[in-house]
Amino acid sequence: RTAVIMVWLPGGLSHIDTYDPKPEIGSEYRGPFSTIPTKVPGL
């Protein structure tokens, strides 16, 4: 078995503005932040 560290973000993180950006959607959805590539191709 392994130990577990859970990092809790109370109130909820905006996935659109962080881990699941949708740059092609309209301004009523898209925030002001640009997307950047990660070390994982396609992510």
PDB file of all heavy atoms in Angstrom:
ATOM      1  N   ARG A   1       0.836  -1.197   0.000  1.00  0.00           N
ATOM      2  CA  ARG A   1       0.000   0.000   0.000  1.00  0.00           C
ATOM      3  C   ARG A   1       0.874   1.251   0.000  1.00  0.00           C
ATOM      4  O   ARG A   1       2.061   1.191   0.281  1.00  0.00           O
ATOM      5  CB  ARG A   1      -0.944   0.006   1.195  1.00  0.00           C
ATOM      6  CG  ARG A   1      -0.268   0.027   2.567  1.00  0.00           C
ATOM      7  CD  ARG A   1      -1.329  -0.048   3.659  1.00  0.00           C
ATOM      8  NE  ARG A   1      -0.801   0.247   4.976  1.00  0.00           N
ATOM      9  CZ  ARG A   1      -0.661  -0.634   5.956  1.00  0.00           C
ATOM     10  NH1 ARG A   1      -0.996  -1.891   5.746  1.00  0.00           N
ATOM     11  NH2 ARG A   1      -0.187  -0.284   7.130  1.00  0.00           N
ATOM     12  N   THR A   2       0.253   2.364  -0.337  1.00  0.00           N
ATOM     13  CA  THR A   2       0.960   3.635  -0.372  1.00  0.00           C
ATOM     14  C   THR A   2       0.290   4.614   0.588  1.00  0.00           C
ATOM     15  O   THR A   2      -0.879   4.466   0.945  1.00  0.00           O
ATOM     16  CB  THR A   2       0.945   4.244  -1.788  1.00  0.00           C
ATOM     17  OG1 THR A   2      -0.410   4.431  -2.203  1.00  0.00           O
ATOM     18  CG2 THR A   2       1.660   3.361  -2.778  1.00  0.00           C
ATOM     19  N   ALA A   3       1.048   5.627   0.984  1.00  0.00           N
ATOM     20  CA  ALA A   3       0.474   6.750   1.727  1.00  0.00           C
ATOM     21  C   ALA A   3      -0.214   7.682   0.735  1.00  0.00           C
ATOM     22  O   ALA A   3       0.065   7.665  -0.463  1.00  0.00           O
ATOM     23  CB  ALA A   3       1.566   7.483   2.489  1.00  0.00           C
ATOM     24  N   VAL A   4      -1.123   8.506   1.243  1.00  0.00           N
ATOM     25  CA  VAL A   4      -1.862   9.431   0.387  1.00  0.00           C
ATOM     26  C   VAL A   4      -1.791  10.839   0.962  1.00  0.00           C
ATOM     27  O   VAL A   4      -2.073  11.053   2.146  1.00  0.00           O
ATOM     28  CB  VAL A   4      -3.339   9.009   0.238  1.00  0.00           C
ATOM     29  CG1 VAL A   4      -4.109  10.049  -0.586  1.00  0.00           C
ATOM     30  CG2 VAL A   4      -3.451   7.634  -0.414  1.00  0.00           C
ATOM     31  N   ILE A   5      -1.403  11.790   0.120  1.00  0.00           N
ATOM     32  CA  ILE A   5      -1.523  13.216   0.430  1.00  0.00           C
ATOM     33  C   ILE A   5      -2.620  13.769  -0.463  1.00  0.00           C
ATOM     34  O   ILE A   5      -2.516  13.716  -1.695  1.00  0.00           O
ATOM     35  CB  ILE A   5      -0.216  13.981   0.149  1.00  0.00           C
ATOM     36  CG1 ILE A   5       0.916  13.476   1.040  1.00  0.00           C
ATOM     37  CG2 ILE A   5      -0.421  15.485   0.371  1.00  0.00           C
ATOM     38  CD1 ILE A   5       2.276  14.094   0.702  1.00  0.00           C
ATOM     39  N   MET A   6      -3.692  14.265   0.137  1.00  0.00           N
ATOM     40  CA  MET A   6      -4.741  14.913  -0.643  1.00  0.00           C
ATOM     41  C   MET A   6      -4.659  16.422  -0.432  1.00  0.00           C
ATOM     42  O   MET A   6      -4.743  16.909   0.690  1.00  0.00           O
ATOM     43  CB  MET A   6      -6.133  14.425  -0.249  1.00  0.00           C
ATOM     44  CG  MET A   6      -7.232  15.027  -1.136  1.00  0.00           C
ATOM     45  SD  MET A   6      -8.908  14.571  -0.629  1.00  0.00           S
ATOM     46  CE  MET A   6      -9.066  15.498   0.910  1.00  0.00           C
ATOM     47  N   VAL A   7      -4.503  17.149  -1.536  1.00  0.00           N
ATOM     48  CA  VAL A   7      -4.493  18.603  -1.519  1.00  0.00           C
ATOM     49  C   VAL A   7      -5.889  19.058  -1.929  1.00  0.00           C
ATOM     50  O   VAL A   7      -6.334  18.793  -3.055  1.00  0.00           O
ATOM     51  CB  VAL A   7      -3.425  19.165  -2.478  1.00  0.00           C
ATOM     52  CG1 VAL A   7      -3.403  20.690  -2.411  1.00  0.00           C
ATOM     53  CG2 VAL A   7      -2.051  18.585  -2.137  1.00  0.00           C
ATOM     54  N   TRP A   8      -6.580  19.734  -1.030  1.00  0.00           N
ATOM     55  CA  TRP A   8      -7.992  20.076  -1.215  1.00  0.00           C
ATOM     56  C   TRP A   8      -8.129  21.554  -1.573  1.00  0.00           C
ATOM     57  O   TRP A   8      -7.532  22.414  -0.921  1.00  0.00           O
ATOM     58  CB  TRP A   8      -8.760  19.752   0.055  1.00  0.00           C
ATOM     59  CG  TRP A   8     -10.246  19.944  -0.010  1.00  0.00           C
ATOM     60  CD1 TRP A   8     -10.983  20.913   0.621  1.00  0.00           C
ATOM     61  CD2 TRP A   8     -11.185  19.122  -0.712  1.00  0.00           C
ATOM     62  NE1 TRP A   8     -12.312  20.747   0.349  1.00  0.00           N
ATOM     63  CE2 TRP A   8     -12.470  19.657  -0.471  1.00  0.00           C
ATOM     64  CE3 TRP A   8     -11.057  18.000  -1.530  1.00  0.00           C
ATOM     65  CZ2 TRP A   8     -13.636  19.096  -1.018  1.00  0.00           C
ATOM     66  CZ3 TRP A   8     -12.211  17.447  -2.081  1.00  0.00           C
ATOM     67  CH2 TRP A   8     -13.481  17.988  -1.815  1.00  0.00           C
ATOM     68  N   LEU A   9      -8.930  21.827  -2.614  1.00  0.00           N
ATOM     69  CA  LEU A   9      -9.163  23.195  -3.086  1.00  0.00           C
ATOM     70  C   LEU A   9     -10.617  23.557  -2.799  1.00  0.00           C
ATOM     71  O   LEU A   9     -11.506  23.336  -3.632  1.00  0.00           O
ATOM     72  CB  LEU A   9      -8.867  23.294  -4.584  1.00  0.00           C
ATOM     73  CG  LEU A   9      -7.519  22.719  -5.038  1.00  0.00           C
ATOM     74  CD1 LEU A   9      -7.367  22.845  -6.545  1.00  0.00           C
ATOM     75  CD2 LEU A   9      -6.363  23.385  -4.312  1.00  0.00           C
ATOM     76  N   PRO A  10     -10.915  24.085  -1.611  1.00  0.00           N
ATOM     77  CA  PRO A  10     -12.308  24.301  -1.202  1.00  0.00           C
ATOM     78  C   PRO A  10     -12.989  25.381  -2.033  1.00  0.00           C
ATOM     79  O   PRO A  10     -12.511  26.506  -2.135  1.00  0.00           O
ATOM     80  CB  PRO A  10     -12.172  24.734   0.265  1.00  0.00           C
ATOM     81  CG  PRO A  10     -10.810  25.345   0.360  1.00  0.00           C
ATOM     82  CD  PRO A  10      -9.953  24.566  -0.592  1.00  0.00           C
ATOM     83  N   GLY A  11     -14.100  25.013  -2.641  1.00  0.00           N
ATOM     84  CA  GLY A  11     -14.815  25.939  -3.500  1.00  0.00           C
ATOM     85  C   GLY A  11     -14.708  25.579  -4.962  1.00  0.00           C
ATOM     86  O   GLY A  11     -15.555  25.940  -5.765  1.00  0.00           O
ATOM     87  N   GLY A  12     -13.668  24.828  -5.306  1.00  0.00           N
ATOM     88  CA  GLY A  12     -13.573  24.301  -6.658  1.00  0.00           C
ATOM     89  C   GLY A  12     -12.757  25.149  -7.612  1.00  0.00           C
ATOM     90  O   GLY A  12     -12.929  26.359  -7.708  1.00  0.00           O
ATOM     91  N   LEU A  13     -11.864  24.485  -8.340  1.00  0.00           N
ATOM     92  CA  LEU A  13     -10.975  25.114  -9.303  1.00  0.00           C
ATOM     93  C   LEU A  13     -11.646  25.178 -10.672  1.00  0.00           C
ATOM     94  O   LEU A  13     -12.268  24.213 -11.117  1.00  0.00           O
ATOM     95  CB  LEU A  13      -9.680  24.294  -9.394  1.00  0.00           C
ATOM     96  CG  LEU A  13      -8.659  24.676 -10.443  1.00  0.00           C
ATOM     97  CD1 LEU A  13      -7.986  25.992 -10.079  1.00  0.00           C
ATOM     98  CD2 LEU A  13      -7.611  23.568 -10.567  1.00  0.00           C
ATOM     99  N   SER A  14     -11.515  26.299 -11.364  1.00  0.00           N
ATOM    100  CA  SER A  14     -12.035  26.427 -12.726  1.00  0.00           C
ATOM    101  C   SER A  14     -11.183  25.611 -13.685  1.00  0.00           C
ATOM    102  O   SER A  14     -10.026  25.943 -13.946  1.00  0.00           O
ATOM    103  CB  SER A  14     -12.027  27.900 -13.155  1.00  0.00           C
ATOM    104  OG  SER A  14     -12.264  28.006 -14.548  1.00  0.00           O
ATOM    105  N   HIS A  15     -11.756  24.531 -14.208  1.00  0.00           N
ATOM    106  CA  HIS A  15     -10.998  23.688 -15.141  1.00  0.00           C
ATOM    107  C   HIS A  15     -10.730  24.416 -16.458  1.00  0.00           C
ATOM    108  O   HIS A  15      -9.700  24.212 -17.092  1.00  0.00           O
ATOM    109  CB  HIS A  15     -11.736  22.372 -15.389  1.00  0.00           C
ATOM    110  CG  HIS A  15     -13.136  22.509 -15.899  1.00  0.00           C
ATOM    111  ND1 HIS A  15     -14.151  23.058 -15.148  1.00  0.00           N
ATOM    112  CD2 HIS A  15     -13.701  22.163 -17.100  1.00  0.00           C
ATOM    113  CE1 HIS A  15     -15.284  23.036 -15.851  1.00  0.00           C
ATOM    114  NE2 HIS A  15     -15.037  22.507 -17.026  1.00  0.00           N
ATOM    115  N   ILE A  16     -11.650  25.296 -16.864  1.00  0.00           N
ATOM    116  CA  ILE A  16     -11.487  26.045 -18.107  1.00  0.00           C
ATOM    117  C   ILE A  16     -10.243  26.934 -18.057  1.00  0.00           C
ATOM    118  O   ILE A  16      -9.557  27.137 -19.057  1.00  0.00           O
ATOM    119  CB  ILE A  16     -12.740  26.904 -18.371  1.00  0.00           C
ATOM    120  CG1 ILE A  16     -13.959  26.006 -18.623  1.00  0.00           C
ATOM    121  CG2 ILE A  16     -12.522  27.855 -19.544  1.00  0.00           C
ATOM    122  CD1 ILE A  16     -13.874  25.202 -19.905  1.00  0.00           C
ATOM    123  N   ASP A  17      -9.953  27.456 -16.879  1.00  0.00           N
ATOM    124  CA  ASP A  17      -8.841  28.401 -16.729  1.00  0.00           C
ATOM    125  C   ASP A  17      -7.545  27.733 -16.285  1.00  0.00           C
ATOM    126  O   ASP A  17      -6.566  28.435 -16.012  1.00  0.00           O
ATOM    127  CB  ASP A  17      -9.226  29.487 -15.710  1.00  0.00           C
ATOM    128  CG  ASP A  17     -10.404  30.317 -16.174  1.00  0.00           C
ATOM    129  OD1 ASP A  17     -10.338  30.872 -17.289  1.00  0.00           O
ATOM    130  OD2 ASP A  17     -11.403  30.397 -15.436  1.00  0.00           O
ATOM    131  N   THR A  18      -7.525  26.390 -16.210  1.00  0.00           N
ATOM    132  CA  THR A  18      -6.330  25.718 -15.704  1.00  0.00           C
ATOM    133  C   THR A  18      -5.987  24.478 -16.527  1.00  0.00           C
ATOM    134  O   THR A  18      -5.224  24.556 -17.491  1.00  0.00           O
ATOM    135  CB  THR A  18      -6.522  25.349 -14.221  1.00  0.00           C
ATOM    136  OG1 THR A  18      -7.735  24.579 -14.067  1.00  0.00           O
ATOM    137  CG2 THR A  18      -6.601  26.597 -13.351  1.00  0.00           C
ATOM    138  N   TYR A  19      -6.584  23.321 -16.158  1.00  0.00           N
ATOM    139  CA  TYR A  19      -6.163  22.041 -16.722  1.00  0.00           C
ATOM    140  C   TYR A  19      -6.918  21.622 -17.985  1.00  0.00           C
ATOM    141  O   TYR A  19      -6.518  20.663 -18.643  1.00  0.00           O
ATOM    142  CB  TYR A  19      -6.320  20.941 -15.673  1.00  0.00           C
ATOM    143  CG  TYR A  19      -5.451  21.121 -14.451  1.00  0.00           C
ATOM    144  CD1 TYR A  19      -5.986  21.530 -13.235  1.00  0.00           C
ATOM    145  CD2 TYR A  19      -4.076  20.887 -14.521  1.00  0.00           C
ATOM    146  CE1 TYR A  19      -5.184  21.701 -12.109  1.00  0.00           C
ATOM    147  CE2 TYR A  19      -3.262  21.053 -13.414  1.00  0.00           C
ATOM    148  CZ  TYR A  19      -3.827  21.459 -12.211  1.00  0.00           C
ATOM    149  OH  TYR A  19      -3.024  21.630 -11.103  1.00  0.00           O
ATOM    150  N   ASP A  20      -8.001  22.298 -18.310  1.00  0.00           N
ATOM    151  CA  ASP A  20      -8.817  21.888 -19.453  1.00  0.00           C
ATOM    152  C   ASP A  20      -9.244  23.117 -20.262  1.00  0.00           C
ATOM    153  O   ASP A  20     -10.429  23.387 -20.434  1.00  0.00           O
ATOM    154  CB  ASP A  20     -10.051  21.118 -18.955  1.00  0.00           C
ATOM    155  CG  ASP A  20     -10.801  20.396 -20.067  1.00  0.00           C
ATOM    156  OD1 ASP A  20     -10.286  20.347 -21.209  1.00  0.00           O
ATOM    157  OD2 ASP A  20     -11.907  19.899 -19.799  1.00  0.00           O
ATOM    158  N   PRO A  21      -8.270  23.890 -20.761  1.00  0.00           N
ATOM    159  CA  PRO A  21      -8.621  25.122 -21.479  1.00  0.00           C
ATOM    160  C   PRO A  21      -9.313  24.826 -22.802  1.00  0.00           C
ATOM    161  O   PRO A  21      -9.079  23.798 -23.429  1.00  0.00           O
ATOM    162  CB  PRO A  21      -7.266  25.797 -21.689  1.00  0.00           C
ATOM    163  CG  PRO A  21      -6.274  24.679 -21.682  1.00  0.00           C
ATOM    164  CD  PRO A  21      -6.812  23.666 -20.708  1.00  0.00           C
ATOM    165  N   LYS A  22     -10.156  25.765 -23.212  1.00  0.00           N
ATOM    166  CA  LYS A  22     -10.895  25.646 -24.471  1.00  0.00           C
ATOM    167  C   LYS A  22     -10.680  26.930 -25.279  1.00  0.00           C
ATOM    168  O   LYS A  22     -11.549  27.802 -25.337  1.00  0.00           O
ATOM    169  CB  LYS A  22     -12.390  25.440 -24.196  1.00  0.00           C
ATOM    170  CG  LYS A  22     -12.724  24.277 -23.277  1.00  0.00           C
ATOM    171  CD  LYS A  22     -12.496  22.929 -23.950  1.00  0.00           C
ATOM    172  CE  LYS A  22     -12.916  21.776 -23.038  1.00  0.00           C
ATOM    173  NZ  LYS A  22     -12.720  20.465 -23.676  1.00  0.00           N
ATOM    174  N   PRO A  23      -9.527  27.064 -25.907  1.00  0.00           N
ATOM    175  CA  PRO A  23      -9.198  28.339 -26.547  1.00  0.00           C
ATOM    176  C   PRO A  23     -10.113  28.704 -27.713  1.00  0.00           C
ATOM    177  O   PRO A  23     -10.189  29.862 -28.105  1.00  0.00           O
ATOM    178  CB  PRO A  23      -7.755  28.116 -27.031  1.00  0.00           C
ATOM    179  CG  PRO A  23      -7.589  26.637 -27.121  1.00  0.00           C
ATOM    180  CD  PRO A  23      -8.444  26.078 -26.030  1.00  0.00           C
ATOM    181  N   GLU A  24     -10.826  27.702 -28.263  1.00  0.00           N
ATOM    182  CA  GLU A  24     -11.650  27.967 -29.439  1.00  0.00           C
ATOM    183  C   GLU A  24     -13.049  28.476 -29.088  1.00  0.00           C
ATOM    184  O   GLU A  24     -13.806  28.869 -29.982  1.00  0.00           O
ATOM    185  CB  GLU A  24     -11.769  26.685 -30.278  1.00  0.00           C
ATOM    186  CG  GLU A  24     -12.605  25.566 -29.656  1.00  0.00           C
ATOM    187  CD  GLU A  24     -11.878  24.764 -28.590  1.00  0.00           C
ATOM    188  OE1 GLU A  24     -10.708  25.085 -28.296  1.00  0.00           O
ATOM    189  OE2 GLU A  24     -12.482  23.814 -28.045  1.00  0.00           O
ATOM    190  N   ILE A  25     -13.437  28.474 -27.836  1.00  0.00           N
ATOM    191  CA  ILE A  25     -14.799  28.878 -27.479  1.00  0.00           C
ATOM    192  C   ILE A  25     -14.924  30.389 -27.443  1.00  0.00           C
ATOM    193  O   ILE A  25     -13.945  31.119 -27.403  1.00  0.00           O
ATOM    194  CB  ILE A  25     -15.231  28.266 -26.126  1.00  0.00           C
ATOM    195  CG1 ILE A  25     -14.262  28.687 -25.003  1.00  0.00           C
ATOM    196  CG2 ILE A  25     -15.313  26.762 -26.216  1.00  0.00           C
ATOM    197  CD1 ILE A  25     -14.638  28.146 -23.648  1.00  0.00           C
ATOM    198  N   GLY A  26     -16.160  30.866 -27.415  1.00  0.00           N
ATOM    199  CA  GLY A  26     -16.434  32.283 -27.469  1.00  0.00           C
ATOM    200  C   GLY A  26     -16.074  33.021 -26.198  1.00  0.00           C
ATOM    201  O   GLY A  26     -15.796  32.415 -25.154  1.00  0.00           O
ATOM    202  N   SER A  27     -16.092  34.336 -26.281  1.00  0.00           N
ATOM    203  CA  SER A  27     -15.659  35.180 -25.167  1.00  0.00           C
ATOM    204  C   SER A  27     -16.559  35.069 -23.948  1.00  0.00           C
ATOM    205  O   SER A  27     -16.141  35.381 -22.829  1.00  0.00           O
ATOM    206  CB  SER A  27     -15.591  36.641 -25.622  1.00  0.00           C
ATOM    207  OG  SER A  27     -16.867  37.080 -26.086  1.00  0.00           O
ATOM    208  N   GLU A  28     -17.801  34.609 -24.125  1.00  0.00           N
ATOM    209  CA  GLU A  28     -18.682  34.458 -22.963  1.00  0.00           C
ATOM    210  C   GLU A  28     -18.279  33.255 -22.103  1.00  0.00           C
ATOM    211  O   GLU A  28     -18.767  33.109 -20.977  1.00  0.00           O
ATOM    212  CB  GLU A  28     -20.147  34.334 -23.405  1.00  0.00           C
ATOM    213  CG  GLU A  28     -20.530  33.050 -24.102  1.00  0.00           C
ATOM    214  CD  GLU A  28     -20.324  33.097 -25.614  1.00  0.00           C
ATOM    215  OE1 GLU A  28     -19.422  33.818 -26.081  1.00  0.00           O
ATOM    216  OE2 GLU A  28     -21.072  32.385 -26.311  1.00  0.00           O
ATOM    217  N   TYR A  29     -17.387  32.410 -22.625  1.00  0.00           N
ATOM    218  CA  TYR A  29     -16.863  31.268 -21.891  1.00  0.00           C
ATOM    219  C   TYR A  29     -15.362  31.423 -21.589  1.00  0.00           C
ATOM    220  O   TYR A  29     -14.909  31.123 -20.502  1.00  0.00           O
ATOM    221  CB  TYR A  29     -17.063  29.972 -22.691  1.00  0.00           C
ATOM    222  CG  TYR A  29     -18.480  29.484 -22.756  1.00  0.00           C
ATOM    223  CD1 TYR A  29     -19.390  30.032 -23.647  1.00  0.00           C
ATOM    224  CD2 TYR A  29     -18.917  28.455 -21.926  1.00  0.00           C
ATOM    225  CE1 TYR A  29     -20.703  29.572 -23.719  1.00  0.00           C
ATOM    226  CE2 TYR A  29     -20.220  27.985 -21.978  1.00  0.00           C
ATOM    227  CZ  TYR A  29     -21.105  28.559 -22.878  1.00  0.00           C
ATOM    228  OH  TYR A  29     -22.398  28.106 -22.926  1.00  0.00           O
ATOM    229  N   ARG A  30     -14.633  31.839 -22.573  1.00  0.00           N
ATOM    230  CA  ARG A  30     -13.172  31.831 -22.468  1.00  0.00           C
ATOM    231  C   ARG A  30     -12.679  32.965 -21.575  1.00  0.00           C
ATOM    232  O   ARG A  30     -13.104  34.111 -21.682  1.00  0.00           O
ATOM    233  CB  ARG A  30     -12.555  31.977 -23.854  1.00  0.00           C
ATOM    234  CG  ARG A  30     -11.033  31.832 -23.869  1.00  0.00           C
ATOM    235  CD  ARG A  30     -10.475  31.999 -25.277  1.00  0.00           C
ATOM    236  NE  ARG A  30     -10.696  33.333 -25.798  1.00  0.00           N
ATOM    237  CZ  ARG A  30     -11.533  33.639 -26.783  1.00  0.00           C
ATOM    238  NH1 ARG A  30     -12.232  32.678 -27.358  1.00  0.00           N
ATOM    239  NH2 ARG A  30     -11.675  34.871 -27.203  1.00  0.00           N
ATOM    240  N   GLY A  31     -11.775  32.654 -20.680  1.00  0.00           N
ATOM    241  CA  GLY A  31     -11.144  33.673 -19.859  1.00  0.00           C
ATOM    242  C   GLY A  31     -10.039  34.380 -20.614  1.00  0.00           C
ATOM    243  O   GLY A  31      -9.788  34.097 -21.794  1.00  0.00           O
ATOM    244  N   PRO A  32      -9.303  35.261 -19.955  1.00  0.00           N
ATOM    245  CA  PRO A  32      -8.275  36.051 -20.619  1.00  0.00           C
ATOM    246  C   PRO A  32      -6.922  35.352 -20.749  1.00  0.00           C
ATOM    247  O   PRO A  32      -5.976  35.940 -21.276  1.00  0.00           O
ATOM    248  CB  PRO A  32      -8.145  37.268 -19.703  1.00  0.00           C
ATOM    249  CG  PRO A  32      -8.442  36.732 -18.337  1.00  0.00           C
ATOM    250  CD  PRO A  32      -9.498  35.690 -18.546  1.00  0.00           C
ATOM    251  N   PHE A  33      -6.824  34.111 -20.289  1.00  0.00           N
ATOM    252  CA  PHE A  33      -5.517  33.464 -20.211  1.00  0.00           C
ATOM    253  C   PHE A  33      -5.209  32.671 -21.475  1.00  0.00           C
ATOM    254  O   PHE A  33      -6.058  31.940 -21.992  1.00  0.00           O
ATOM    255  CB  PHE A  33      -5.466  32.547 -18.987  1.00  0.00           C
ATOM    256  CG  PHE A  33      -5.923  33.212 -17.717  1.00  0.00           C
ATOM    257  CD1 PHE A  33      -7.067  32.786 -17.059  1.00  0.00           C
ATOM    258  CD2 PHE A  33      -5.222  34.292 -17.203  1.00  0.00           C
ATOM    259  CE1 PHE A  33      -7.502  33.416 -15.904  1.00  0.00           C
ATOM    260  CE2 PHE A  33      -5.646  34.926 -16.051  1.00  0.00           C
ATOM    261  CZ  PHE A  33      -6.793  34.491 -15.398  1.00  0.00           C
ATOM    262  N   SER A  34      -3.980  32.793 -21.943  1.00  0.00           N
ATOM    263  CA  SER A  34      -3.546  32.030 -23.107  1.00  0.00           C
ATOM    264  C   SER A  34      -3.162  30.616 -22.689  1.00  0.00           C
ATOM    265  O   SER A  34      -2.946  30.337 -21.505  1.00  0.00           O
ATOM    266  CB  SER A  34      -2.356  32.722 -23.777  1.00  0.00           C
ATOM    267  OG  SER A  34      -1.259  32.799 -22.875  1.00  0.00           O
ATOM    268  N   THR A  35      -3.107  29.712 -23.650  1.00  0.00           N
ATOM    269  CA  THR A  35      -2.709  28.330 -23.358  1.00  0.00           C
ATOM    270  C   THR A  35      -1.216  28.165 -23.632  1.00  0.00           C
ATOM    271  O   THR A  35      -0.628  28.864 -24.452  1.00  0.00           O
ATOM    272  CB  THR A  35      -3.503  27.330 -24.214  1.00  0.00           C
ATOM    273  OG1 THR A  35      -3.252  27.593 -25.593  1.00  0.00           O
ATOM    274  CG2 THR A  35      -4.986  27.435 -23.933  1.00  0.00           C
ATOM    275  N   ILE A  36      -0.628  27.216 -22.923  1.00  0.00           N
ATOM    276  CA  ILE A  36       0.786  26.917 -23.098  1.00  0.00           C
ATOM    277  C   ILE A  36       0.954  25.408 -23.230  1.00  0.00           C
ATOM    278  O   ILE A  36       0.188  24.636 -22.653  1.00  0.00           O
ATOM    279  CB  ILE A  36       1.640  27.438 -21.913  1.00  0.00           C
ATOM    280  CG1 ILE A  36       1.149  26.847 -20.592  1.00  0.00           C
ATOM    281  CG2 ILE A  36       1.613  28.967 -21.863  1.00  0.00           C
ATOM    282  CD1 ILE A  36       2.037  27.200 -19.387  1.00  0.00           C
ATOM    283  N   PRO A  37       1.952  24.964 -23.985  1.00  0.00           N
ATOM    284  CA  PRO A  37       2.212  23.518 -24.074  1.00  0.00           C
ATOM    285  C   PRO A  37       2.840  23.018 -22.782  1.00  0.00           C
ATOM    286  O   PRO A  37       3.463  23.776 -22.035  1.00  0.00           O
ATOM    287  CB  PRO A  37       3.180  23.413 -25.246  1.00  0.00           C
ATOM    288  CG  PRO A  37       3.895  24.725 -25.257  1.00  0.00           C
ATOM    289  CD  PRO A  37       2.880  25.747 -24.819  1.00  0.00           C
ATOM    290  N   THR A  38       2.665  21.758 -22.517  1.00  0.00           N
ATOM    291  CA  THR A  38       3.299  21.116 -21.369  1.00  0.00           C
ATOM    292  C   THR A  38       4.355  20.150 -21.868  1.00  0.00           C
ATOM    293  O   THR A  38       4.573  20.002 -23.072  1.00  0.00           O
ATOM    294  CB  THR A  38       2.270  20.349 -20.522  1.00  0.00           C
ATOM    295  OG1 THR A  38       1.870  19.166 -21.231  1.00  0.00           O
ATOM    296  CG2 THR A  38       1.040  21.204 -20.227  1.00  0.00           C
ATOM    297  N   LYS A  39       4.997  19.479 -20.954  1.00  0.00           N
ATOM    298  CA  LYS A  39       6.024  18.498 -21.328  1.00  0.00           C
ATOM    299  C   LYS A  39       5.414  17.263 -21.991  1.00  0.00           C
ATOM    300  O   LYS A  39       6.122  16.459 -22.597  1.00  0.00           O
ATOM    301  CB  LYS A  39       6.830  18.100 -20.089  1.00  0.00           C
ATOM    302  CG  LYS A  39       8.136  17.392 -20.417  1.00  0.00           C
ATOM    303  CD  LYS A  39       9.031  17.245 -19.216  1.00  0.00           C
ATOM    304  CE  LYS A  39      10.355  16.594 -19.594  1.00  0.00           C
ATOM    305  NZ  LYS A  39      11.254  16.446 -18.409  1.00  0.00           N
ATOM    306  N   VAL A  40       4.091  17.113 -21.862  1.00  0.00           N
ATOM    307  CA  VAL A  40       3.393  15.976 -22.475  1.00  0.00           C
ATOM    308  C   VAL A  40       2.840  16.426 -23.824  1.00  0.00           C
ATOM    309  O   VAL A  40       2.022  17.360 -23.876  1.00  0.00           O
ATOM    310  CB  VAL A  40       2.252  15.477 -21.572  1.00  0.00           C
ATOM    311  CG1 VAL A  40       1.478  14.351 -22.248  1.00  0.00           C
ATOM    312  CG2 VAL A  40       2.805  15.004 -20.230  1.00  0.00           C
ATOM    313  N   PRO A  41       3.245  15.815 -24.922  1.00  0.00           N
ATOM    314  CA  PRO A  41       2.741  16.219 -26.237  1.00  0.00           C
ATOM    315  C   PRO A  41       1.214  16.175 -26.295  1.00  0.00           C
ATOM    316  O   PRO A  41       0.586  15.202 -25.874  1.00  0.00           O
ATOM    317  CB  PRO A  41       3.365  15.186 -27.188  1.00  0.00           C
ATOM    318  CG  PRO A  41       4.593  14.715 -26.476  1.00  0.00           C
ATOM    319  CD  PRO A  41       4.238  14.734 -25.019  1.00  0.00           C
ATOM    320  N   GLY A  42       0.622  17.257 -26.784  1.00  0.00           N
ATOM    321  CA  GLY A  42      -0.825  17.321 -26.930  1.00  0.00           C
ATOM    322  C   GLY A  42      -1.566  17.806 -25.706  1.00  0.00           C
ATOM    323  O   GLY A  42      -2.776  18.053 -25.769  1.00  0.00           O
ATOM    324  N   LEU A  43      -0.880  17.925 -24.574  1.00  0.00           N
ATOM    325  CA  LEU A  43      -1.511  18.392 -23.343  1.00  0.00           C
ATOM    326  C   LEU A  43      -1.175  19.868 -23.146  1.00  0.00           C
ATOM    327  O   LEU A  43       0.002  20.238 -23.089  1.00  0.00           O
ATOM    328  CB  LEU A  43      -1.024  17.573 -22.148  1.00  0.00           C
ATOM    329  CG  LEU A  43      -1.517  18.018 -20.768  1.00  0.00           C
ATOM    330  CD1 LEU A  43      -3.034  17.877 -20.661  1.00  0.00           C
ATOM    331  CD2 LEU A  43      -0.830  17.204 -19.661  1.00  0.00           C
TER     332      LEU A  43
END
